[in-house]
Amino acid sequence: MKRTIIAAACVLLAGPALSQSLGEKTGVNSALGVAPATADFVKEVAISDMFEIESSKLAEQKGNAQEKTFAQQMVTDHTKTSSELKGLVSGGKVQATLPTALDSSHQSKLDKLKSANDKDFSSDYNSYQVSAHEDAVSLFERYSKGGDNSALKDWAGKTLPALKHHLDMAKELGKAPSVGQSK
């Protein structure tokens, strides 16, 4: 009987933490505009940075000239944000665990890019960059408005303009410049 009560208490106490993680994982939080839990935010950002860096290193080798320029910027900027996030965690300002590897979803996208031919690489890379930056902008906007760690909330707000710029740049990938026409 005592074990049953303890087990039930553990499930009840774990419920809110699990629901936050599930909400972030399923996109429910994003759809509702709910800020992610700090641990979820840190995990999502770290994985996103790893994916940006690794996929953009591939683009520096396999991409066209426009993609190579964009990729260099992504490697530089996401290496910087990754270092800043690690500093917040290791400095004790943020209590969270940083993942050391990509999740299966991002790893499968990276594997697809590694094996893609030039045309497919460009199409996939460009598409992944737009969706990754749309997700990042949403994540950072929600955390900067409603996150529960003030240092991380400030950092998210300061990082957001660069991510919005990345999204604008990503949307231009693959668009041929108009020859002889001014915009």
C-alpha atoms as a PDB file:
ATOM      1  CA  MET A   1       0.000   0.000   0.000  1.00  0.00           C
ATOM      2  CA  LYS A   2       2.797   2.392   0.937  1.00  0.00           C
ATOM      3  CA  ARG A   3       4.553   1.699  -2.393  1.00  0.00           C
ATOM      4  CA  THR A   4       1.363   2.395  -4.309  1.00  0.00           C
ATOM      5  CA  ILE A   5       0.969   5.767  -2.605  1.00  0.00           C
ATOM      6  CA  ILE A   6       4.592   6.656  -3.309  1.00  0.00           C
ATOM      7  CA  ALA A   7       4.265   5.598  -6.946  1.00  0.00           C
ATOM      8  CA  ALA A   8       1.077   7.632  -7.342  1.00  0.00           C
ATOM      9  CA  ALA A   9       2.736  10.676  -5.770  1.00  0.00           C
ATOM     10  CA  CYS A  10       5.682  10.372  -8.167  1.00  0.00           C
ATOM     11  CA  VAL A  11       3.341  10.242 -11.166  1.00  0.00           C
ATOM     12  CA  LEU A  12       1.379  13.270  -9.932  1.00  0.00           C
ATOM     13  CA  LEU A  13       4.526  15.269  -9.241  1.00  0.00           C
ATOM     14  CA  ALA A  14       6.063  14.348 -12.598  1.00  0.00           C
ATOM     15  CA  GLY A  15       2.864  15.254 -14.466  1.00  0.00           C
ATOM     16  CA  PRO A  16       3.469  19.003 -14.841  1.00  0.00           C
ATOM     17  CA  ALA A  17       7.067  18.495 -15.967  1.00  0.00           C
ATOM     18  CA  LEU A  18       6.049  15.847 -18.467  1.00  0.00           C
ATOM     19  CA  SER A  19       3.187  17.914 -19.824  1.00  0.00           C
ATOM     20  CA  GLN A  20       5.460  20.883 -20.445  1.00  0.00           C
ATOM     21  CA  SER A  21       7.943  18.725 -22.304  1.00  0.00           C
ATOM     22  CA  LEU A  22       5.164  17.005 -24.233  1.00  0.00           C
ATOM     23  CA  GLY A  23       3.586  20.367 -25.066  1.00  0.00           C
ATOM     24  CA  GLU A  24       6.846  21.684 -26.456  1.00  0.00           C
ATOM     25  CA  LYS A  25       7.629  18.460 -28.283  1.00  0.00           C
ATOM     26  CA  THR A  26       4.224  18.254 -29.970  1.00  0.00           C
ATOM     27  CA  GLY A  27       4.052  21.934 -30.884  1.00  0.00           C
ATOM     28  CA  VAL A  28       1.077  22.601 -28.612  1.00  0.00           C
ATOM     29  CA  ASN A  29       2.996  25.287 -26.697  1.00  0.00           C
ATOM     30  CA  SER A  30       3.950  26.999 -29.946  1.00  0.00           C
ATOM     31  CA  ALA A  31       0.381  26.977 -31.244  1.00  0.00           C
ATOM     32  CA  LEU A  32      -0.860  28.449 -27.959  1.00  0.00           C
ATOM     33  CA  GLY A  33       2.033  30.914 -27.623  1.00  0.00           C
ATOM     34  CA  VAL A  34       3.087  29.359 -24.315  1.00  0.00           C
ATOM     35  CA  ALA A  35       6.678  29.853 -23.175  1.00  0.00           C
ATOM     36  CA  PRO A  36       8.638  26.605 -22.991  1.00  0.00           C
ATOM     37  CA  ALA A  37      10.011  25.349 -19.699  1.00  0.00           C
ATOM     38  CA  THR A  38      13.633  26.411 -19.190  1.00  0.00           C
ATOM     39  CA  ALA A  39      14.940  22.853 -19.613  1.00  0.00           C
ATOM     40  CA  ASP A  40      12.985  22.460 -22.862  1.00  0.00           C
ATOM     41  CA  PHE A  41      14.194  25.819 -24.167  1.00  0.00           C
ATOM     42  CA  VAL A  42      17.845  24.986 -23.441  1.00  0.00           C
ATOM     43  CA  LYS A  43      17.520  21.547 -25.062  1.00  0.00           C
ATOM     44  CA  GLU A  44      15.770  22.895 -28.177  1.00  0.00           C
ATOM     45  CA  VAL A  45      18.275  25.735 -28.607  1.00  0.00           C
ATOM     46  CA  ALA A  46      21.309  23.487 -28.134  1.00  0.00           C
ATOM     47  CA  ILE A  47      20.029  20.917 -30.643  1.00  0.00           C
ATOM     48  CA  SER A  48      19.063  23.659 -33.093  1.00  0.00           C
ATOM     49  CA  ASP A  49      22.547  25.196 -32.856  1.00  0.00           C
ATOM     50  CA  MET A  50      24.207  21.800 -33.379  1.00  0.00           C
ATOM     51  CA  PHE A  51      22.041  21.158 -36.432  1.00  0.00           C
ATOM     52  CA  GLU A  52      22.687  24.625 -37.867  1.00  0.00           C
ATOM     53  CA  ILE A  53      26.437  24.228 -37.465  1.00  0.00           C
ATOM     54  CA  GLU A  54      26.648  20.684 -38.869  1.00  0.00           C
ATOM     55  CA  SER A  55      24.235  21.206 -41.780  1.00  0.00           C
ATOM     56  CA  SER A  56      25.924  24.492 -42.677  1.00  0.00           C
ATOM     57  CA  LYS A  57      29.375  22.882 -42.651  1.00  0.00           C
ATOM     58  CA  LEU A  58      27.968  20.494 -45.271  1.00  0.00           C
ATOM     59  CA  ALA A  59      26.586  23.449 -47.229  1.00  0.00           C
ATOM     60  CA  GLU A  60      30.025  25.071 -47.206  1.00  0.00           C
ATOM     61  CA  GLN A  61      31.220  21.982 -49.117  1.00  0.00           C
ATOM     62  CA  LYS A  62      28.180  20.980 -51.211  1.00  0.00           C
ATOM     63  CA  GLY A  63      26.137  24.154 -51.637  1.00  0.00           C
ATOM     64  CA  ASN A  64      26.060  26.739 -54.383  1.00  0.00           C
ATOM     65  CA  ALA A  65      27.726  30.143 -53.909  1.00  0.00           C
ATOM     66  CA  GLN A  66      24.675  31.695 -52.221  1.00  0.00           C
ATOM     67  CA  GLU A  67      24.317  28.740 -49.842  1.00  0.00           C
ATOM     68  CA  LYS A  68      28.027  28.766 -49.014  1.00  0.00           C
ATOM     69  CA  THR A  69      27.881  32.441 -48.021  1.00  0.00           C
ATOM     70  CA  PHE A  70      24.755  31.847 -45.932  1.00  0.00           C
ATOM     71  CA  ALA A  71      26.287  28.715 -44.377  1.00  0.00           C
ATOM     72  CA  GLN A  72      29.434  30.572 -43.282  1.00  0.00           C
ATOM     73  CA  GLN A  73      27.232  33.099 -41.483  1.00  0.00           C
ATOM     74  CA  MET A  74      25.220  30.297 -39.838  1.00  0.00           C
ATOM     75  CA  VAL A  75      28.352  28.511 -38.593  1.00  0.00           C
ATOM     76  CA  THR A  76      29.722  31.764 -37.147  1.00  0.00           C
ATOM     77  CA  ASP A  77      26.480  32.950 -35.541  1.00  0.00           C
ATOM     78  CA  HIS A  78      25.307  29.597 -34.183  1.00  0.00           C
ATOM     79  CA  THR A  79      28.749  28.800 -32.785  1.00  0.00           C
ATOM     80  CA  LYS A  80      28.475  32.117 -30.928  1.00  0.00           C
ATOM     81  CA  THR A  81      24.973  31.435 -29.551  1.00  0.00           C
ATOM     82  CA  SER A  82      25.994  27.910 -28.608  1.00  0.00           C
ATOM     83  CA  SER A  83      28.963  29.283 -26.632  1.00  0.00           C
ATOM     84  CA  GLU A  84      26.773  31.898 -24.948  1.00  0.00           C
ATOM     85  CA  LEU A  85      24.205  29.269 -23.929  1.00  0.00           C
ATOM     86  CA  LYS A  86      26.936  26.978 -22.576  1.00  0.00           C
ATOM     87  CA  GLY A  87      28.300  29.943 -20.599  1.00  0.00           C
ATOM     88  CA  LEU A  88      24.907  30.626 -19.007  1.00  0.00           C
ATOM     89  CA  VAL A  89      24.566  26.966 -17.997  1.00  0.00           C
ATOM     90  CA  SER A  90      28.156  26.421 -16.828  1.00  0.00           C
ATOM     91  CA  GLY A  91      28.161  29.790 -15.022  1.00  0.00           C
ATOM     92  CA  GLY A  92      25.233  28.636 -12.905  1.00  0.00           C
ATOM     93  CA  LYS A  93      22.766  31.237 -14.200  1.00  0.00           C
ATOM     94  CA  VAL A  94      20.661  28.525 -15.828  1.00  0.00           C
ATOM     95  CA  GLN A  95      19.921  25.138 -14.289  1.00  0.00           C
ATOM     96  CA  ALA A  96      19.609  22.758 -17.238  1.00  0.00           C
ATOM     97  CA  THR A  97      21.372  19.902 -18.960  1.00  0.00           C
ATOM     98  CA  LEU A  98      22.852  20.539 -22.381  1.00  0.00           C
ATOM     99  CA  PRO A  99      22.392  17.704 -24.880  1.00  0.00           C
ATOM    100  CA  THR A 100      25.584  16.358 -26.422  1.00  0.00           C
ATOM    101  CA  ALA A 101      24.057  14.947 -29.617  1.00  0.00           C
ATOM    102  CA  LEU A 102      21.279  15.661 -32.087  1.00  0.00           C
ATOM    103  CA  ASP A 103      17.854  14.148 -31.528  1.00  0.00           C
ATOM    104  CA  SER A 104      16.676  11.547 -34.062  1.00  0.00           C
ATOM    105  CA  SER A 105      14.658  14.049 -36.116  1.00  0.00           C
ATOM    106  CA  HIS A 106      17.597  16.396 -36.675  1.00  0.00           C
ATOM    107  CA  GLN A 107      20.027  13.510 -37.177  1.00  0.00           C
ATOM    108  CA  SER A 108      17.879  12.033 -39.950  1.00  0.00           C
ATOM    109  CA  LYS A 109      17.759  15.445 -41.691  1.00  0.00           C
ATOM    110  CA  LEU A 110      21.540  15.723 -41.419  1.00  0.00           C
ATOM    111  CA  ASP A 111      21.972  12.180 -42.798  1.00  0.00           C
ATOM    112  CA  LYS A 112      19.684  13.062 -45.726  1.00  0.00           C
ATOM    113  CA  LEU A 113      21.821  16.127 -46.496  1.00  0.00           C
ATOM    114  CA  LYS A 114      25.025  14.080 -46.342  1.00  0.00           C
ATOM    115  CA  SER A 115      23.787  11.649 -48.990  1.00  0.00           C
ATOM    116  CA  ALA A 116      21.960  14.162 -51.232  1.00  0.00           C
ATOM    117  CA  ASN A 117      23.110  15.090 -54.732  1.00  0.00           C
ATOM    118  CA  ASP A 118      23.638  18.792 -55.540  1.00  0.00           C
ATOM    119  CA  LYS A 119      20.070  19.605 -56.613  1.00  0.00           C
ATOM    120  CA  ASP A 120      18.453  17.678 -53.763  1.00  0.00           C
ATOM    121  CA  PHE A 121      20.975  19.073 -51.295  1.00  0.00           C
ATOM    122  CA  SER A 122      20.053  22.664 -52.195  1.00  0.00           C
ATOM    123  CA  SER A 123      16.337  21.999 -52.047  1.00  0.00           C
ATOM    124  CA  ASP A 124      16.541  20.183 -48.690  1.00  0.00           C
ATOM    125  CA  TYR A 125      19.076  22.533 -47.095  1.00  0.00           C
ATOM    126  CA  ASN A 126      17.097  25.626 -48.078  1.00  0.00           C
ATOM    127  CA  SER A 127      13.831  24.129 -46.835  1.00  0.00           C
ATOM    128  CA  TYR A 128      15.408  22.990 -43.548  1.00  0.00           C
ATOM    129  CA  GLN A 129      16.873  26.451 -42.968  1.00  0.00           C
ATOM    130  CA  VAL A 130      13.524  28.186 -43.360  1.00  0.00           C
ATOM    131  CA  SER A 131      11.664  25.776 -41.079  1.00  0.00           C
ATOM    132  CA  ALA A 132      14.480  25.678 -38.486  1.00  0.00           C
ATOM    133  CA  HIS A 133      14.573  29.461 -38.273  1.00  0.00           C
ATOM    134  CA  GLU A 134      10.775  29.752 -38.129  1.00  0.00           C
ATOM    135  CA  ASP A 135      10.855  27.336 -35.187  1.00  0.00           C
ATOM    136  CA  ALA A 136      13.739  29.216 -33.552  1.00  0.00           C
ATOM    137  CA  VAL A 137      12.024  32.607 -33.882  1.00  0.00           C
ATOM    138  CA  SER A 138       8.866  31.176 -32.297  1.00  0.00           C
ATOM    139  CA  LEU A 139      10.830  29.516 -29.498  1.00  0.00           C
ATOM    140  CA  PHE A 140      12.877  32.631 -28.689  1.00  0.00           C
ATOM    141  CA  GLU A 141       9.860  34.963 -28.899  1.00  0.00           C
ATOM    142  CA  ARG A 142       7.861  32.803 -26.503  1.00  0.00           C
ATOM    143  CA  TYR A 143      10.722  32.408 -24.030  1.00  0.00           C
ATOM    144  CA  SER A 144      11.738  36.087 -24.141  1.00  0.00           C
ATOM    145  CA  LYS A 145       8.150  37.045 -23.237  1.00  0.00           C
ATOM    146  CA  GLY A 146       7.276  34.376 -20.698  1.00  0.00           C
ATOM    147  CA  GLY A 147      10.354  32.395 -19.688  1.00  0.00           C
ATOM    148  CA  ASP A 148      10.984  31.779 -16.005  1.00  0.00           C
ATOM    149  CA  ASN A 149      14.758  32.402 -15.919  1.00  0.00           C
ATOM    150  CA  SER A 150      15.576  36.112 -16.142  1.00  0.00           C
ATOM    151  CA  ALA A 151      19.141  35.703 -17.487  1.00  0.00           C
ATOM    152  CA  LEU A 152      17.979  33.277 -20.178  1.00  0.00           C
ATOM    153  CA  LYS A 153      14.939  35.439 -20.946  1.00  0.00           C
ATOM    154  CA  ASP A 154      17.193  38.488 -21.510  1.00  0.00           C
ATOM    155  CA  TRP A 155      19.547  36.446 -23.697  1.00  0.00           C
ATOM    156  CA  ALA A 156      16.622  35.137 -25.753  1.00  0.00           C
ATOM    157  CA  GLY A 157      15.407  38.705 -26.330  1.00  0.00           C
ATOM    158  CA  LYS A 158      18.872  39.896 -27.379  1.00  0.00           C
ATOM    159  CA  THR A 159      19.349  36.926 -29.733  1.00  0.00           C
ATOM    160  CA  LEU A 160      15.944  37.190 -31.408  1.00  0.00           C
ATOM    161  CA  PRO A 161      16.789  39.964 -33.949  1.00  0.00           C
ATOM    162  CA  ALA A 162      19.656  37.892 -35.394  1.00  0.00           C
ATOM    163  CA  LEU A 163      17.370  34.866 -35.745  1.00  0.00           C
ATOM    164  CA  LYS A 164      14.742  36.957 -37.540  1.00  0.00           C
ATOM    165  CA  HIS A 165      17.477  38.159 -39.894  1.00  0.00           C
ATOM    166  CA  HIS A 166      18.579  34.541 -40.455  1.00  0.00           C
ATOM    167  CA  LEU A 167      14.972  33.639 -41.321  1.00  0.00           C
ATOM    168  CA  ASP A 168      14.786  36.466 -43.869  1.00  0.00           C
ATOM    169  CA  MET A 169      18.095  35.320 -45.382  1.00  0.00           C
ATOM    170  CA  ALA A 170      16.942  31.678 -45.462  1.00  0.00           C
ATOM    171  CA  LYS A 171      13.777  32.643 -47.328  1.00  0.00           C
ATOM    172  CA  GLU A 172      15.964  34.196 -50.049  1.00  0.00           C
ATOM    173  CA  LEU A 173      17.972  30.987 -50.597  1.00  0.00           C
ATOM    174  CA  GLY A 174      17.300  29.464 -53.977  1.00  0.00           C
ATOM    175  CA  LYS A 175      15.577  32.556 -55.351  1.00  0.00           C
ATOM    176  CA  ALA A 176      17.315  33.626 -58.511  1.00  0.00           C
ATOM    177  CA  PRO A 177      18.100  37.323 -58.596  1.00  0.00           C
ATOM    178  CA  SER A 178      16.075  39.173 -61.217  1.00  0.00           C
ATOM    179  CA  VAL A 179      18.364  40.175 -64.028  1.00  0.00           C
ATOM    180  CA  GLY A 180      17.984  43.757 -65.213  1.00  0.00           C
ATOM    181  CA  GLN A 181      15.122  44.551 -62.853  1.00  0.00           C
ATOM    182  CA  SER A 182      15.282  46.649 -59.749  1.00  0.00           C
ATOM    183  CA  LYS A 183      13.352  45.584 -56.700  1.00  0.00           C
END
